[in-house]
């Protein structure tokens, strides 16, 4: 079996095992609900799609997201949120940051060697995958980088276009690798949203599912200033109370 085919086969098996649809369609809704839905600008702020070796520009039975299904669901804004590390035995109560399963997911899928052990490179690689899909989508998927870009997108939607805007973010500040200067590179790659932590505490702040569940660190307070200076969104959903007060 050729190496590339073997990696793709393993990736597909892994994707299907981790992203099952428990209640597959077709789904029935009333005519009134369908009519209301068509008037809405639907926004989904979270999807791990770029983690998986999946082609999202064609219909798929894997996972929950591809561009045709986003169109069918009238989704106008789709958040593609990257997580760059995940601990072994992940749970919602308490996680240490001493293990990482993302590196093994990357190895199985044939990611570049530079991603191994580097949360920043993992994030940048997933961002490059999203930009590739944007470039190949013939305008069906865009990656707004400025307020002007987003304003033009809204005008397109109001004019009847089904274009989908991608919002690129990171789940946790691990891609900073403890250095605030890395925020420049992440911003240049298209990231416009970041949370201080995901399932584990970081150098920026604590996680609701972390070991210490602390507040923002001194680096975290500087990070907030730098995020605001760049107009980037701060995702507070994974944070403990001490980090939001």
C-alpha atoms as a PDB file:
ATOM      1  CA  UNK A   1       0.000   0.000   0.000  1.00  0.00           C
ATOM      2  CA  UNK A   2       1.511   3.405  -0.999  1.00  0.00           C
ATOM      3  CA  UNK A   3       2.358   5.597   1.979  1.00  0.00           C
ATOM      4  CA  UNK A   4       0.045   8.445   0.943  1.00  0.00           C
ATOM      5  CA  UNK A   5      -2.892   6.078   0.422  1.00  0.00           C
ATOM      6  CA  UNK A   6      -2.219   4.401   3.743  1.00  0.00           C
ATOM      7  CA  UNK A   7      -2.187   7.726   5.581  1.00  0.00           C
ATOM      8  CA  UNK A   8      -5.436   8.806   3.912  1.00  0.00           C
ATOM      9  CA  UNK A   9      -7.074   5.473   4.758  1.00  0.00           C
ATOM     10  CA  UNK A  10      -6.043   5.698   8.416  1.00  0.00           C
ATOM     11  CA  UNK A  11      -7.195   9.333   8.554  1.00  0.00           C
ATOM     12  CA  UNK A  12     -10.620   8.431   7.156  1.00  0.00           C
ATOM     13  CA  UNK A  13     -11.078   5.633   9.680  1.00  0.00           C
ATOM     14  CA  UNK A  14     -10.057   7.952  12.514  1.00  0.00           C
ATOM     15  CA  UNK A  15     -12.354  10.733  11.297  1.00  0.00           C
ATOM     16  CA  UNK A  16     -15.364   8.428  10.961  1.00  0.00           C
ATOM     17  CA  UNK A  17     -14.799   6.897  14.402  1.00  0.00           C
ATOM     18  CA  UNK A  18     -14.528  10.268  16.140  1.00  0.00           C
ATOM     19  CA  UNK A  19     -17.210  12.215  14.243  1.00  0.00           C
ATOM     20  CA  UNK A  20     -20.261   9.993  14.102  1.00  0.00           C
ATOM     21  CA  UNK A  21     -23.734  11.379  13.385  1.00  0.00           C
ATOM     22  CA  UNK A  22     -26.003   9.869  16.011  1.00  0.00           C
ATOM     23  CA  UNK A  23     -29.284  10.781  14.315  1.00  0.00           C
ATOM     24  CA  UNK A  24     -28.782  11.023  10.551  1.00  0.00           C
ATOM     25  CA  UNK A  25     -31.396  12.724   8.386  1.00  0.00           C
ATOM     26  CA  UNK A  26     -33.605  13.353   6.640  1.00  0.00           C
ATOM     27  CA  UNK A  27     -35.011  15.808   9.185  1.00  0.00           C
ATOM     28  CA  UNK A  28     -38.575  17.058   9.049  1.00  0.00           C
ATOM     29  CA  UNK A  29     -39.554  20.625   9.910  1.00  0.00           C
ATOM     30  CA  UNK A  30     -42.753  22.542   9.422  1.00  0.00           C
ATOM     31  CA  UNK A  31     -43.199  24.868   6.465  1.00  0.00           C
ATOM     32  CA  UNK A  32     -43.407  27.794   8.887  1.00  0.00           C
ATOM     33  CA  UNK A  33     -40.099  26.878  10.543  1.00  0.00           C
ATOM     34  CA  UNK A  34     -38.390  26.415   7.178  1.00  0.00           C
ATOM     35  CA  UNK A  35     -39.654  29.805   5.985  1.00  0.00           C
ATOM     36  CA  UNK A  36     -38.383  31.511   9.148  1.00  0.00           C
ATOM     37  CA  UNK A  37     -35.015  29.767   8.857  1.00  0.00           C
ATOM     38  CA  UNK A  38     -34.521  31.083   5.334  1.00  0.00           C
ATOM     39  CA  UNK A  39     -34.755  34.658   6.652  1.00  0.00           C
ATOM     40  CA  UNK A  40     -31.965  34.212   9.197  1.00  0.00           C
ATOM     41  CA  UNK A  41     -28.212  34.714   9.091  1.00  0.00           C
ATOM     42  CA  UNK A  42     -27.153  31.502  10.820  1.00  0.00           C
ATOM     43  CA  UNK A  43     -23.778  31.551  12.583  1.00  0.00           C
ATOM     44  CA  UNK A  44     -21.995  28.551  14.114  1.00  0.00           C
ATOM     45  CA  UNK A  45     -19.014  29.553  16.229  1.00  0.00           C
ATOM     46  CA  UNK A  46     -17.346  26.169  16.617  1.00  0.00           C
ATOM     47  CA  UNK A  47     -16.140  23.336  14.385  1.00  0.00           C
ATOM     48  CA  UNK A  48     -12.976  21.198  14.520  1.00  0.00           C
ATOM     49  CA  UNK A  49     -13.195  20.387  10.797  1.00  0.00           C
ATOM     50  CA  UNK A  50      -9.646  21.444   9.870  1.00  0.00           C
ATOM     51  CA  UNK A  51      -8.236  18.838  12.258  1.00  0.00           C
ATOM     52  CA  UNK A  52      -9.374  16.072   9.934  1.00  0.00           C
ATOM     53  CA  UNK A  53      -8.137  15.099   6.472  1.00  0.00           C
ATOM     54  CA  UNK A  54     -11.448  15.830   4.823  1.00  0.00           C
ATOM     55  CA  UNK A  55     -12.336  17.604   1.579  1.00  0.00           C
ATOM     56  CA  UNK A  56     -15.054  20.094   2.525  1.00  0.00           C
ATOM     57  CA  UNK A  57     -15.950  21.499  -0.900  1.00  0.00           C
ATOM     58  CA  UNK A  58     -17.986  18.426  -1.912  1.00  0.00           C
ATOM     59  CA  UNK A  59     -20.879  16.661  -0.155  1.00  0.00           C
ATOM     60  CA  UNK A  60     -19.716  14.132   2.421  1.00  0.00           C
ATOM     61  CA  UNK A  61     -21.196  11.624   4.841  1.00  0.00           C
ATOM     62  CA  UNK A  62     -18.306  12.180   7.268  1.00  0.00           C
ATOM     63  CA  UNK A  63     -18.606  14.561  10.184  1.00  0.00           C
ATOM     64  CA  UNK A  64     -21.154  17.352  10.095  1.00  0.00           C
ATOM     65  CA  UNK A  65     -19.688  20.062   7.877  1.00  0.00           C
ATOM     66  CA  UNK A  66     -18.969  20.591   4.222  1.00  0.00           C
ATOM     67  CA  UNK A  67     -19.717  23.599   2.042  1.00  0.00           C
ATOM     68  CA  UNK A  68     -22.812  22.092   0.353  1.00  0.00           C
ATOM     69  CA  UNK A  69     -24.352  21.182   3.706  1.00  0.00           C
ATOM     70  CA  UNK A  70     -23.585  24.635   5.097  1.00  0.00           C
ATOM     71  CA  UNK A  71     -25.514  26.033   2.145  1.00  0.00           C
ATOM     72  CA  UNK A  72     -28.408  23.631   2.702  1.00  0.00           C
ATOM     73  CA  UNK A  73     -28.523  24.710   6.359  1.00  0.00           C
ATOM     74  CA  UNK A  74     -28.451  28.418   5.473  1.00  0.00           C
ATOM     75  CA  UNK A  75     -25.265  28.831   7.530  1.00  0.00           C
ATOM     76  CA  UNK A  76     -23.705  32.203   6.719  1.00  0.00           C
ATOM     77  CA  UNK A  77     -20.853  32.296   9.257  1.00  0.00           C
ATOM     78  CA  UNK A  78     -18.926  29.180  10.228  1.00  0.00           C
ATOM     79  CA  UNK A  79     -16.319  29.233  12.966  1.00  0.00           C
ATOM     80  CA  UNK A  80     -13.387  26.938  12.244  1.00  0.00           C
ATOM     81  CA  UNK A  81     -11.791  26.630  15.665  1.00  0.00           C
ATOM     82  CA  UNK A  82      -8.415  24.938  15.916  1.00  0.00           C
ATOM     83  CA  UNK A  83      -7.280  23.034  18.962  1.00  0.00           C
ATOM     84  CA  UNK A  84      -3.572  22.337  18.911  1.00  0.00           C
ATOM     85  CA  UNK A  85      -3.238  20.030  21.923  1.00  0.00           C
ATOM     86  CA  UNK A  86      -5.596  17.652  23.702  1.00  0.00           C
ATOM     87  CA  UNK A  87      -4.754  15.627  26.821  1.00  0.00           C
ATOM     88  CA  UNK A  88      -5.061  11.878  27.138  1.00  0.00           C
ATOM     89  CA  UNK A  89      -8.210  10.869  29.019  1.00  0.00           C
ATOM     90  CA  UNK A  90      -9.900  14.172  28.229  1.00  0.00           C
ATOM     91  CA  UNK A  91     -12.787  15.043  30.567  1.00  0.00           C
ATOM     92  CA  UNK A  92     -14.772  18.085  31.719  1.00  0.00           C
ATOM     93  CA  UNK A  93     -13.504  18.128  35.314  1.00  0.00           C
ATOM     94  CA  UNK A  94      -9.709  18.157  35.545  1.00  0.00           C
ATOM     95  CA  UNK A  95      -6.987  17.749  32.910  1.00  0.00           C
ATOM     96  CA  UNK A  96      -3.209  17.981  33.174  1.00  0.00           C
ATOM     97  CA  UNK A  97      -1.164  19.324  30.254  1.00  0.00           C
ATOM     98  CA  UNK A  98       1.460  16.564  30.455  1.00  0.00           C
ATOM     99  CA  UNK A  99       0.150  14.555  27.481  1.00  0.00           C
ATOM    100  CA  UNK A 100      -0.972  15.426  23.957  1.00  0.00           C
ATOM    101  CA  UNK A 101      -2.932  13.313  21.475  1.00  0.00           C
ATOM    102  CA  UNK A 102      -2.987  15.849  18.617  1.00  0.00           C
ATOM    103  CA  UNK A 103       0.557  14.952  17.598  1.00  0.00           C
ATOM    104  CA  UNK A 104      -0.557  11.346  17.013  1.00  0.00           C
ATOM    105  CA  UNK A 105      -3.596  12.478  15.023  1.00  0.00           C
ATOM    106  CA  UNK A 106      -1.197  14.519  12.890  1.00  0.00           C
ATOM    107  CA  UNK A 107       1.176  11.593  12.417  1.00  0.00           C
ATOM    108  CA  UNK A 108      -1.675   9.327  11.298  1.00  0.00           C
ATOM    109  CA  UNK A 109      -2.777  11.937   8.767  1.00  0.00           C
ATOM    110  CA  UNK A 110       0.668  12.677   7.379  1.00  0.00           C
ATOM    111  CA  UNK A 111       1.039  16.235   8.670  1.00  0.00           C
ATOM    112  CA  UNK A 112       4.387  18.029   8.131  1.00  0.00           C
ATOM    113  CA  UNK A 113       7.100  17.031  10.601  1.00  0.00           C
ATOM    114  CA  UNK A 114       7.359  20.601  11.934  1.00  0.00           C
ATOM    115  CA  UNK A 115       3.885  20.255  13.486  1.00  0.00           C
ATOM    116  CA  UNK A 116       5.008  17.493  15.848  1.00  0.00           C
ATOM    117  CA  UNK A 117       5.260  18.967  19.323  1.00  0.00           C
ATOM    118  CA  UNK A 118       4.600  22.547  18.163  1.00  0.00           C
ATOM    119  CA  UNK A 119       1.105  23.926  18.927  1.00  0.00           C
ATOM    120  CA  UNK A 120       1.894  27.007  16.828  1.00  0.00           C
ATOM    121  CA  UNK A 121       2.778  24.943  13.763  1.00  0.00           C
ATOM    122  CA  UNK A 122      -0.319  22.764  14.285  1.00  0.00           C
ATOM    123  CA  UNK A 123      -2.475  25.900  14.250  1.00  0.00           C
ATOM    124  CA  UNK A 124      -0.702  27.380  11.237  1.00  0.00           C
ATOM    125  CA  UNK A 125      -1.029  24.107   9.314  1.00  0.00           C
ATOM    126  CA  UNK A 126      -4.768  23.915   9.941  1.00  0.00           C
ATOM    127  CA  UNK A 127      -5.086  27.572   8.921  1.00  0.00           C
ATOM    128  CA  UNK A 128      -3.306  26.778   5.656  1.00  0.00           C
ATOM    129  CA  UNK A 129      -5.817  23.992   4.971  1.00  0.00           C
ATOM    130  CA  UNK A 130      -8.710  26.410   5.423  1.00  0.00           C
ATOM    131  CA  UNK A 131      -7.100  29.000   3.138  1.00  0.00           C
ATOM    132  CA  UNK A 132      -6.648  26.281   0.498  1.00  0.00           C
ATOM    133  CA  UNK A 133     -10.370  25.508   0.591  1.00  0.00           C
ATOM    134  CA  UNK A 134     -11.174  29.221   0.371  1.00  0.00           C
ATOM    135  CA  UNK A 135      -8.945  29.548  -2.693  1.00  0.00           C
ATOM    136  CA  UNK A 136     -10.551  26.530  -4.373  1.00  0.00           C
ATOM    137  CA  UNK A 137     -14.183  27.400  -3.561  1.00  0.00           C
ATOM    138  CA  UNK A 138     -14.825  29.815  -6.459  1.00  0.00           C
ATOM    139  CA  UNK A 139     -16.041  32.434  -4.008  1.00  0.00           C
ATOM    140  CA  UNK A 140     -18.374  30.118  -2.095  1.00  0.00           C
ATOM    141  CA  UNK A 141     -16.204  30.292   1.028  1.00  0.00           C
ATOM    142  CA  UNK A 142     -14.375  33.418   2.154  1.00  0.00           C
ATOM    143  CA  UNK A 143     -12.068  34.316   5.034  1.00  0.00           C
ATOM    144  CA  UNK A 144     -12.785  37.907   6.118  1.00  0.00           C
ATOM    145  CA  UNK A 145      -9.755  39.604   7.658  1.00  0.00           C
ATOM    146  CA  UNK A 146     -11.051  43.160   8.223  1.00  0.00           C
ATOM    147  CA  UNK A 147     -14.274  44.903   9.183  1.00  0.00           C
ATOM    148  CA  UNK A 148     -14.534  46.014   5.569  1.00  0.00           C
ATOM    149  CA  UNK A 149     -14.343  42.398   4.397  1.00  0.00           C
ATOM    150  CA  UNK A 150     -17.098  41.450   6.806  1.00  0.00           C
ATOM    151  CA  UNK A 151     -19.269  44.399   5.795  1.00  0.00           C
ATOM    152  CA  UNK A 152     -18.993  43.358   2.142  1.00  0.00           C
ATOM    153  CA  UNK A 153     -19.889  39.794   3.098  1.00  0.00           C
ATOM    154  CA  UNK A 154     -23.056  40.979   4.849  1.00  0.00           C
ATOM    155  CA  UNK A 155     -23.995  42.992   1.799  1.00  0.00           C
ATOM    156  CA  UNK A 156     -23.553  39.884  -0.368  1.00  0.00           C
ATOM    157  CA  UNK A 157     -25.808  37.870   1.913  1.00  0.00           C
ATOM    158  CA  UNK A 158     -28.436  40.582   1.946  1.00  0.00           C
ATOM    159  CA  UNK A 159     -28.349  40.564  -1.851  1.00  0.00           C
ATOM    160  CA  UNK A 160     -29.189  36.845  -1.865  1.00  0.00           C
ATOM    161  CA  UNK A 161     -25.741  35.265  -2.090  1.00  0.00           C
ATOM    162  CA  UNK A 162     -25.125  31.954  -0.307  1.00  0.00           C
ATOM    163  CA  UNK A 163     -21.449  32.719   0.332  1.00  0.00           C
ATOM    164  CA  UNK A 164     -20.160  31.405   3.669  1.00  0.00           C
ATOM    165  CA  UNK A 165     -17.755  33.438   5.804  1.00  0.00           C
ATOM    166  CA  UNK A 166     -15.166  31.433   7.756  1.00  0.00           C
ATOM    167  CA  UNK A 167     -14.103  32.666  11.187  1.00  0.00           C
ATOM    168  CA  UNK A 168     -10.710  31.206  12.072  1.00  0.00           C
ATOM    169  CA  UNK A 169      -9.996  30.798  15.769  1.00  0.00           C
ATOM    170  CA  UNK A 170      -8.000  28.766  18.267  1.00  0.00           C
ATOM    171  CA  UNK A 171      -9.338  26.834  21.220  1.00  0.00           C
ATOM    172  CA  UNK A 172      -6.774  27.797  23.819  1.00  0.00           C
ATOM    173  CA  UNK A 173      -3.669  29.966  23.664  1.00  0.00           C
ATOM    174  CA  UNK A 174      -1.288  27.021  23.295  1.00  0.00           C
ATOM    175  CA  UNK A 175      -0.255  28.215  19.788  1.00  0.00           C
ATOM    176  CA  UNK A 176       1.415  31.219  21.426  1.00  0.00           C
ATOM    177  CA  UNK A 177       3.868  28.756  22.978  1.00  0.00           C
ATOM    178  CA  UNK A 178       4.296  31.206  25.837  1.00  0.00           C
ATOM    179  CA  UNK A 179       5.546  34.029  23.584  1.00  0.00           C
ATOM    180  CA  UNK A 180       3.201  36.945  22.877  1.00  0.00           C
ATOM    181  CA  UNK A 181       5.186  37.751  19.722  1.00  0.00           C
ATOM    182  CA  UNK A 182       3.692  34.643  18.092  1.00  0.00           C
ATOM    183  CA  UNK A 183       0.347  36.440  18.025  1.00  0.00           C
ATOM    184  CA  UNK A 184       1.588  38.429  15.014  1.00  0.00           C
ATOM    185  CA  UNK A 185       2.152  35.274  12.962  1.00  0.00           C
ATOM    186  CA  UNK A 186      -1.205  33.802  13.955  1.00  0.00           C
ATOM    187  CA  UNK A 187      -2.983  37.049  13.066  1.00  0.00           C
ATOM    188  CA  UNK A 188      -1.237  37.149   9.683  1.00  0.00           C
ATOM    189  CA  UNK A 189      -2.408  33.563   9.034  1.00  0.00           C
ATOM    190  CA  UNK A 190      -6.025  34.701   9.418  1.00  0.00           C
ATOM    191  CA  UNK A 191      -6.826  33.959  13.049  1.00  0.00           C
ATOM    192  CA  UNK A 192      -9.353  36.410  14.479  1.00  0.00           C
ATOM    193  CA  UNK A 193     -10.488  34.625  17.638  1.00  0.00           C
ATOM    194  CA  UNK A 194      -8.694  32.925  20.523  1.00  0.00           C
ATOM    195  CA  UNK A 195      -9.511  31.678  24.004  1.00  0.00           C
ATOM    196  CA  UNK A 196      -6.958  31.759  26.837  1.00  0.00           C
ATOM    197  CA  UNK A 197      -7.367  28.027  27.476  1.00  0.00           C
ATOM    198  CA  UNK A 198      -9.123  24.910  26.226  1.00  0.00           C
ATOM    199  CA  UNK A 199      -9.186  21.713  28.308  1.00  0.00           C
ATOM    200  CA  UNK A 200      -5.918  22.475  30.102  1.00  0.00           C
ATOM    201  CA  UNK A 201      -4.439  25.541  31.768  1.00  0.00           C
ATOM    202  CA  UNK A 202      -2.003  27.604  29.698  1.00  0.00           C
ATOM    203  CA  UNK A 203       0.640  30.250  30.213  1.00  0.00           C
ATOM    204  CA  UNK A 204      -2.129  32.785  29.541  1.00  0.00           C
ATOM    205  CA  UNK A 205      -4.779  31.582  31.988  1.00  0.00           C
ATOM    206  CA  UNK A 206      -6.762  28.771  33.509  1.00  0.00           C
ATOM    207  CA  UNK A 207      -9.337  26.429  32.034  1.00  0.00           C
ATOM    208  CA  UNK A 208     -12.663  25.390  33.554  1.00  0.00           C
ATOM    209  CA  UNK A 209     -11.449  21.816  32.984  1.00  0.00           C
ATOM    210  CA  UNK A 210      -7.821  22.478  33.928  1.00  0.00           C
ATOM    211  CA  UNK A 211      -5.748  21.402  36.897  1.00  0.00           C
ATOM    212  CA  UNK A 212      -5.547  24.786  38.656  1.00  0.00           C
ATOM    213  CA  UNK A 213      -8.485  26.708  37.167  1.00  0.00           C
ATOM    214  CA  UNK A 214      -6.736  29.998  37.869  1.00  0.00           C
ATOM    215  CA  UNK A 215      -7.251  33.476  36.487  1.00  0.00           C
ATOM    216  CA  UNK A 216      -5.279  35.367  33.883  1.00  0.00           C
ATOM    217  CA  UNK A 217      -1.523  35.343  34.339  1.00  0.00           C
ATOM    218  CA  UNK A 218       0.632  38.462  33.786  1.00  0.00           C
ATOM    219  CA  UNK A 219       1.209  37.172  30.249  1.00  0.00           C
ATOM    220  CA  UNK A 220      -2.536  36.736  29.933  1.00  0.00           C
ATOM    221  CA  UNK A 221      -3.216  40.357  30.835  1.00  0.00           C
ATOM    222  CA  UNK A 222      -0.751  41.490  28.180  1.00  0.00           C
ATOM    223  CA  UNK A 223      -2.375  39.044  25.760  1.00  0.00           C
ATOM    224  CA  UNK A 224      -5.769  40.676  26.318  1.00  0.00           C
ATOM    225  CA  UNK A 225      -4.287  44.078  25.444  1.00  0.00           C
ATOM    226  CA  UNK A 226      -2.642  42.693  22.325  1.00  0.00           C
ATOM    227  CA  UNK A 227      -5.834  40.940  21.232  1.00  0.00           C
ATOM    228  CA  UNK A 228      -7.814  44.162  21.629  1.00  0.00           C
ATOM    229  CA  UNK A 229      -5.187  46.134  19.723  1.00  0.00           C
ATOM    230  CA  UNK A 230      -5.611  43.775  16.756  1.00  0.00           C
ATOM    231  CA  UNK A 231      -9.403  43.686  16.935  1.00  0.00           C
ATOM    232  CA  UNK A 232      -9.399  39.953  17.703  1.00  0.00           C
ATOM    233  CA  UNK A 233     -12.253  38.252  19.553  1.00  0.00           C
ATOM    234  CA  UNK A 234     -11.621  36.698  22.970  1.00  0.00           C
ATOM    235  CA  UNK A 235     -13.559  33.467  23.448  1.00  0.00           C
ATOM    236  CA  UNK A 236     -14.448  33.088  27.140  1.00  0.00           C
ATOM    237  CA  UNK A 237     -16.489  29.865  26.848  1.00  0.00           C
ATOM    238  CA  UNK A 238     -13.857  27.431  28.269  1.00  0.00           C
ATOM    239  CA  UNK A 239     -12.835  29.665  31.196  1.00  0.00           C
ATOM    240  CA  UNK A 240     -13.271  29.257  34.961  1.00  0.00           C
ATOM    241  CA  UNK A 241     -14.961  32.031  36.984  1.00  0.00           C
ATOM    242  CA  UNK A 242     -11.591  33.402  38.190  1.00  0.00           C
ATOM    243  CA  UNK A 243     -10.563  34.064  34.577  1.00  0.00           C
ATOM    244  CA  UNK A 244     -13.663  36.129  33.748  1.00  0.00           C
ATOM    245  CA  UNK A 245     -13.800  38.416  36.777  1.00  0.00           C
END
